[in-house]
Structures are given as structure tokens and as C-alpha cells.
Amino acid sequence: MNNLLSIFLNCSLSLFLLTAAASDWAEWRGPARDGVSLEKNLPTKWSPAGDNLAWKVPYGGRSAPIVMDDRVYLQNTAEKGELEQERLICLNANTGKLFVGAPL
């Protein structure tokens, strides 16, 4: 039993370190859930009017965005009233272009 626990803990620690070392933001507030990015030379300010704004899209989000492999994933709603449904959209992280039917 101790051997299995040791293997599980080692695998879990390895996965955590791999995740924490990556520039992906698969968790709310980043890899360590502390709002700190390991990236260098990031802008210190931005504005919706265009100051350091890379792109914008006409989609809101119902959850924190997830960034993985140069893609941004957002959960939001489509339609209104009785037809309203939850959806997941995938955007190119560099351009903001919508991936349609992109494999995950």
C-alpha cells in the first residue's frame, strides 16, 4: 500500500511541476492559482481602447478563460430565452480567430 501511495504522489508531483512550468493557463488565476505569470516582458498596462490590446472578439465569457497550446477556450451562452444553451468556444490565442469544428 505504501508503494502505491508513493507512486501516486510522485506522479502527481510530476504532473504539477509540468503544469506549473508551462505557459498554459489551464486553471483559474494561472498554473499555481496565484495570478502570477512566469512569462517575461509582459505589458504592464492595457486598455480596451487599444493600448497593448492584441485583439478582441464579440464574445463574453461565463467562466475564466483557459489558455492551452495557443488556444483560448471560453464558456458562454448562445441564443436567448427557451433556445439559450451553454457553449464552449475556441479562439486562436495569437489572432483571436474562431476555430470552427477544431479537434481538441
N, C-alpha and C. Protein backbone atom coordinates (compact mmCIF):
# COMPACT_ATOMS: atom_id res chain seq x y z
N MET A 1 0.82 -1.19 0.00
CA MET A 1 0.00 0.00 0.00
C MET A 1 0.87 1.26 0.00
N ASN A 2 1.94 1.26 0.80
CA ASN A 2 2.84 2.42 0.83
C ASN A 2 3.51 2.64 -0.52
N ASN A 3 3.80 1.53 -1.22
CA ASN A 3 4.42 1.62 -2.54
C ASN A 3 3.48 2.31 -3.53
N LEU A 4 2.19 1.95 -3.51
CA LEU A 4 1.22 2.57 -4.38
C LEU A 4 1.04 4.06 -4.06
N LEU A 5 1.01 4.37 -2.78
CA LEU A 5 0.89 5.77 -2.37
C LEU A 5 2.09 6.57 -2.83
N SER A 6 3.27 5.99 -2.72
CA SER A 6 4.49 6.66 -3.16
C SER A 6 4.47 6.92 -4.67
N ILE A 7 4.03 5.94 -5.43
CA ILE A 7 3.94 6.09 -6.89
C ILE A 7 2.93 7.18 -7.23
N PHE A 8 1.78 7.16 -6.58
CA PHE A 8 0.74 8.16 -6.83
C PHE A 8 1.26 9.57 -6.52
N LEU A 9 1.91 9.74 -5.38
CA LEU A 9 2.43 11.06 -5.01
C LEU A 9 3.50 11.54 -5.97
N ASN A 10 4.39 10.64 -6.39
CA ASN A 10 5.43 11.03 -7.35
C ASN A 10 4.83 11.43 -8.69
N CYS A 11 3.84 10.68 -9.16
CA CYS A 11 3.18 11.02 -10.44
C CYS A 11 2.45 12.35 -10.31
N SER A 12 1.75 12.55 -9.21
CA SER A 12 1.01 13.80 -9.00
C SER A 12 1.95 14.99 -8.96
N LEU A 13 3.07 14.85 -8.24
CA LEU A 13 4.05 15.93 -8.16
C LEU A 13 4.65 16.22 -9.52
N SER A 14 4.94 15.19 -10.29
CA SER A 14 5.50 15.38 -11.63
C SER A 14 4.52 16.13 -12.53
N LEU A 15 3.25 15.74 -12.49
CA LEU A 15 2.24 16.43 -13.29
C LEU A 15 2.09 17.88 -12.86
N PHE A 16 2.12 18.14 -11.55
CA PHE A 16 2.00 19.50 -11.07
C PHE A 16 3.18 20.33 -11.54
N LEU A 17 4.38 19.81 -11.48
CA LEU A 17 5.55 20.56 -11.90
C LEU A 17 5.54 20.82 -13.40
N LEU A 18 5.08 19.86 -14.18
CA LEU A 18 4.97 20.07 -15.62
C LEU A 18 3.95 21.16 -15.92
N THR A 19 2.83 21.13 -15.22
CA THR A 19 1.80 22.14 -15.43
C THR A 19 2.29 23.51 -15.00
N ALA A 20 2.95 23.58 -13.86
CA ALA A 20 3.41 24.86 -13.34
C ALA A 20 4.51 25.46 -14.21
N ALA A 21 5.28 24.62 -14.89
CA ALA A 21 6.36 25.11 -15.74
C ALA A 21 5.87 25.61 -17.08
N ALA A 22 4.69 25.16 -17.50
CA ALA A 22 4.18 25.54 -18.81
C ALA A 22 3.60 26.94 -18.78
N SER A 23 3.50 27.56 -19.96
CA SER A 23 2.91 28.89 -20.03
C SER A 23 1.40 28.81 -20.22
N ASP A 24 0.84 27.63 -20.26
CA ASP A 24 -0.60 27.47 -20.37
C ASP A 24 -1.28 27.89 -19.07
N TRP A 25 -2.48 28.41 -19.20
CA TRP A 25 -3.29 28.78 -18.03
C TRP A 25 -4.52 27.89 -18.02
N ALA A 26 -4.36 26.67 -17.54
CA ALA A 26 -5.45 25.70 -17.51
C ALA A 26 -6.26 25.80 -16.22
N GLU A 27 -5.85 26.66 -15.35
CA GLU A 27 -6.52 26.85 -14.06
C GLU A 27 -6.94 28.30 -13.91
N TRP A 28 -7.94 28.55 -13.08
CA TRP A 28 -8.33 29.91 -12.76
C TRP A 28 -7.16 30.59 -12.06
N ARG A 29 -6.76 31.74 -12.51
CA ARG A 29 -5.65 32.53 -11.98
C ARG A 29 -4.28 31.92 -12.28
N GLY A 30 -4.18 31.01 -13.26
CA GLY A 30 -2.88 30.53 -13.71
C GLY A 30 -2.46 29.19 -13.16
N PRO A 31 -1.28 28.73 -13.57
CA PRO A 31 -0.82 27.39 -13.20
C PRO A 31 -0.74 27.15 -11.70
N ALA A 32 -0.37 28.15 -10.93
CA ALA A 32 -0.27 27.98 -9.47
C ALA A 32 -1.47 28.58 -8.75
N ARG A 33 -2.47 29.01 -9.50
CA ARG A 33 -3.69 29.62 -8.97
C ARG A 33 -3.40 30.85 -8.11
N ASP A 34 -2.36 31.60 -8.48
CA ASP A 34 -1.99 32.78 -7.71
C ASP A 34 -2.00 34.07 -8.53
N GLY A 35 -2.42 33.98 -9.80
CA GLY A 35 -2.48 35.16 -10.66
C GLY A 35 -1.13 35.64 -11.13
N VAL A 36 -0.09 34.83 -10.98
CA VAL A 36 1.27 35.22 -11.36
C VAL A 36 1.67 34.47 -12.63
N SER A 37 2.16 35.22 -13.61
CA SER A 37 2.63 34.62 -14.86
C SER A 37 4.15 34.46 -14.80
N LEU A 38 4.63 33.35 -15.33
CA LEU A 38 6.07 33.12 -15.42
C LEU A 38 6.66 33.73 -16.69
N GLU A 39 5.79 34.26 -17.55
CA GLU A 39 6.24 34.88 -18.80
C GLU A 39 7.02 36.16 -18.49
N LYS A 40 7.93 36.51 -19.37
CA LYS A 40 8.75 37.71 -19.21
C LYS A 40 8.32 38.78 -20.22
N ASN A 41 8.62 40.04 -19.93
CA ASN A 41 8.37 41.19 -20.81
C ASN A 41 6.89 41.36 -21.18
N LEU A 42 6.02 41.11 -20.23
CA LEU A 42 4.60 41.32 -20.47
C LEU A 42 4.27 42.80 -20.33
N PRO A 43 3.24 43.28 -21.02
CA PRO A 43 2.84 44.68 -20.86
C PRO A 43 2.44 44.95 -19.41
N THR A 44 2.74 46.14 -18.93
CA THR A 44 2.37 46.50 -17.56
C THR A 44 1.01 47.16 -17.50
N LYS A 45 0.48 47.57 -18.66
CA LYS A 45 -0.86 48.14 -18.71
C LYS A 45 -1.49 47.83 -20.06
N TRP A 46 -2.82 47.89 -20.11
CA TRP A 46 -3.55 47.73 -21.35
C TRP A 46 -4.89 48.42 -21.18
N SER A 47 -5.57 48.64 -22.28
CA SER A 47 -6.90 49.24 -22.23
C SER A 47 -7.74 48.68 -23.38
N PRO A 48 -9.05 48.62 -23.17
CA PRO A 48 -9.93 48.17 -24.25
C PRO A 48 -9.89 49.08 -25.48
N ALA A 49 -9.39 50.31 -25.30
CA ALA A 49 -9.30 51.25 -26.42
C ALA A 49 -8.14 50.94 -27.35
N GLY A 50 -7.21 50.08 -26.94
CA GLY A 50 -6.14 49.69 -27.85
C GLY A 50 -4.74 49.67 -27.28
N ASP A 51 -4.52 50.24 -26.10
CA ASP A 51 -3.18 50.26 -25.51
C ASP A 51 -2.76 48.83 -25.16
N ASN A 52 -1.81 48.26 -25.91
CA ASN A 52 -1.31 46.89 -25.74
C ASN A 52 -2.39 45.83 -25.96
N LEU A 53 -3.44 46.17 -26.68
CA LEU A 53 -4.51 45.22 -26.97
C LEU A 53 -4.14 44.42 -28.21
N ALA A 54 -4.04 43.10 -28.08
CA ALA A 54 -3.66 42.25 -29.21
C ALA A 54 -4.85 42.01 -30.15
N TRP A 55 -6.02 41.74 -29.61
CA TRP A 55 -7.23 41.51 -30.38
C TRP A 55 -8.42 41.53 -29.44
N LYS A 56 -9.61 41.65 -29.99
CA LYS A 56 -10.82 41.49 -29.20
C LYS A 56 -11.88 40.84 -30.07
N VAL A 57 -12.82 40.18 -29.41
CA VAL A 57 -13.87 39.44 -30.11
C VAL A 57 -15.21 39.77 -29.48
N PRO A 58 -16.30 39.57 -30.21
CA PRO A 58 -17.61 39.91 -29.67
C PRO A 58 -18.24 38.80 -28.82
N TYR A 59 -17.43 38.12 -28.03
CA TYR A 59 -17.93 37.04 -27.18
C TYR A 59 -17.59 37.35 -25.73
N GLY A 60 -18.58 37.21 -24.88
CA GLY A 60 -18.32 37.32 -23.45
C GLY A 60 -18.03 35.94 -22.90
N GLY A 61 -17.76 35.86 -21.64
CA GLY A 61 -17.48 34.57 -21.02
C GLY A 61 -18.24 34.39 -19.73
N ARG A 62 -18.60 33.16 -19.43
CA ARG A 62 -19.27 32.83 -18.17
C ARG A 62 -18.30 32.19 -17.20
N SER A 63 -17.06 32.06 -17.62
CA SER A 63 -16.05 31.45 -16.77
C SER A 63 -14.71 32.11 -17.09
N ALA A 64 -13.70 31.79 -16.32
CA ALA A 64 -12.37 32.30 -16.62
C ALA A 64 -11.89 31.68 -17.91
N PRO A 65 -11.20 32.44 -18.77
CA PRO A 65 -10.67 31.83 -19.99
C PRO A 65 -9.56 30.84 -19.66
N ILE A 66 -9.46 29.82 -20.47
CA ILE A 66 -8.41 28.81 -20.34
C ILE A 66 -7.51 28.95 -21.56
N VAL A 67 -6.20 28.99 -21.35
CA VAL A 67 -5.24 29.10 -22.45
C VAL A 67 -4.39 27.85 -22.46
N MET A 68 -4.43 27.13 -23.59
CA MET A 68 -3.63 25.92 -23.77
C MET A 68 -3.23 25.80 -25.22
N ASP A 69 -1.96 25.53 -25.46
CA ASP A 69 -1.46 25.28 -26.81
C ASP A 69 -1.89 26.36 -27.81
N ASP A 70 -1.67 27.62 -27.47
CA ASP A 70 -2.00 28.76 -28.34
C ASP A 70 -3.48 28.84 -28.69
N ARG A 71 -4.33 28.33 -27.80
CA ARG A 71 -5.77 28.44 -27.97
C ARG A 71 -6.38 28.99 -26.69
N VAL A 72 -7.43 29.78 -26.85
CA VAL A 72 -8.17 30.32 -25.71
C VAL A 72 -9.56 29.69 -25.74
N TYR A 73 -9.97 29.10 -24.62
CA TYR A 73 -11.28 28.48 -24.52
C TYR A 73 -12.15 29.33 -23.59
N LEU A 74 -13.38 29.64 -24.04
CA LEU A 74 -14.34 30.39 -23.26
C LEU A 74 -15.65 29.64 -23.20
N GLN A 75 -16.28 29.66 -22.04
CA GLN A 75 -17.62 29.12 -21.90
C GLN A 75 -18.56 30.32 -21.89
N ASN A 76 -19.60 30.27 -22.72
CA ASN A 76 -20.59 31.34 -22.72
C ASN A 76 -21.92 30.79 -23.21
N THR A 77 -22.86 31.69 -23.47
CA THR A 77 -24.18 31.25 -23.92
C THR A 77 -24.40 31.63 -25.38
N ALA A 78 -25.26 30.87 -26.01
CA ALA A 78 -25.71 31.15 -27.37
C ALA A 78 -27.23 31.21 -27.33
N GLU A 79 -27.80 32.07 -28.15
CA GLU A 79 -29.25 32.24 -28.25
C GLU A 79 -29.80 32.91 -26.98
N LYS A 80 -31.12 33.05 -26.93
CA LYS A 80 -31.81 33.70 -25.82
C LYS A 80 -33.08 32.94 -25.48
N GLY A 81 -33.58 33.16 -24.29
CA GLY A 81 -34.86 32.57 -23.87
C GLY A 81 -34.84 31.05 -23.87
N GLU A 82 -35.89 30.44 -24.44
CA GLU A 82 -36.01 28.98 -24.47
C GLU A 82 -34.89 28.31 -25.25
N LEU A 83 -34.31 29.02 -26.19
CA LEU A 83 -33.26 28.44 -27.04
C LEU A 83 -31.86 28.62 -26.46
N GLU A 84 -31.74 29.32 -25.32
CA GLU A 84 -30.42 29.58 -24.74
C GLU A 84 -29.74 28.28 -24.35
N GLN A 85 -28.46 28.16 -24.74
CA GLN A 85 -27.66 26.99 -24.42
C GLN A 85 -26.25 27.42 -24.04
N GLU A 86 -25.61 26.63 -23.22
CA GLU A 86 -24.20 26.84 -22.90
C GLU A 86 -23.37 26.33 -24.07
N ARG A 87 -22.24 26.99 -24.31
CA ARG A 87 -21.34 26.50 -25.35
C ARG A 87 -19.90 26.78 -24.94
N LEU A 88 -19.02 26.08 -25.57
CA LEU A 88 -17.59 26.28 -25.40
C LEU A 88 -17.05 26.74 -26.75
N ILE A 89 -16.33 27.86 -26.74
CA ILE A 89 -15.74 28.33 -27.99
C ILE A 89 -14.22 28.30 -27.86
N CYS A 90 -13.57 28.15 -28.99
CA CYS A 90 -12.12 28.05 -29.05
C CYS A 90 -11.60 29.13 -29.99
N LEU A 91 -10.66 29.94 -29.50
CA LEU A 91 -10.08 31.02 -30.29
C LEU A 91 -8.58 30.83 -30.42
N ASN A 92 -8.03 31.29 -31.52
CA ASN A 92 -6.58 31.31 -31.69
C ASN A 92 -6.04 32.37 -30.73
N ALA A 93 -5.13 32.01 -29.85
CA ALA A 93 -4.62 32.93 -28.84
C ALA A 93 -3.82 34.08 -29.44
N ASN A 94 -3.28 33.90 -30.63
CA ASN A 94 -2.47 34.95 -31.26
C ASN A 94 -3.29 35.93 -32.08
N THR A 95 -4.39 35.43 -32.68
CA THR A 95 -5.16 36.27 -33.60
C THR A 95 -6.59 36.55 -33.14
N GLY A 96 -7.11 35.72 -32.24
CA GLY A 96 -8.50 35.86 -31.83
C GLY A 96 -9.50 35.23 -32.77
N LYS A 97 -9.00 34.63 -33.84
CA LYS A 97 -9.92 34.00 -34.81
C LYS A 97 -10.57 32.76 -34.20
N LEU A 98 -11.84 32.60 -34.50
CA LEU A 98 -12.63 31.49 -34.00
C LEU A 98 -12.26 30.19 -34.71
N PHE A 99 -11.98 29.13 -33.94
CA PHE A 99 -11.79 27.80 -34.52
C PHE A 99 -13.18 27.19 -34.64
N VAL A 100 -13.56 26.76 -35.82
CA VAL A 100 -14.86 26.13 -36.03
C VAL A 100 -14.64 24.66 -36.27
N GLY A 101 -15.23 23.84 -35.42
CA GLY A 101 -15.08 22.40 -35.56
C GLY A 101 -13.66 21.92 -35.34
N ALA A 102 -12.90 22.66 -34.55
CA ALA A 102 -11.50 22.28 -34.29
C ALA A 102 -11.44 21.09 -33.35
N PRO A 103 -10.60 20.11 -33.67
CA PRO A 103 -10.43 18.99 -32.74
C PRO A 103 -9.71 19.46 -31.49
N LEU A 104 -10.10 18.91 -30.36
CA LEU A 104 -9.47 19.30 -29.09
C LEU A 104 -8.22 18.52 -28.82
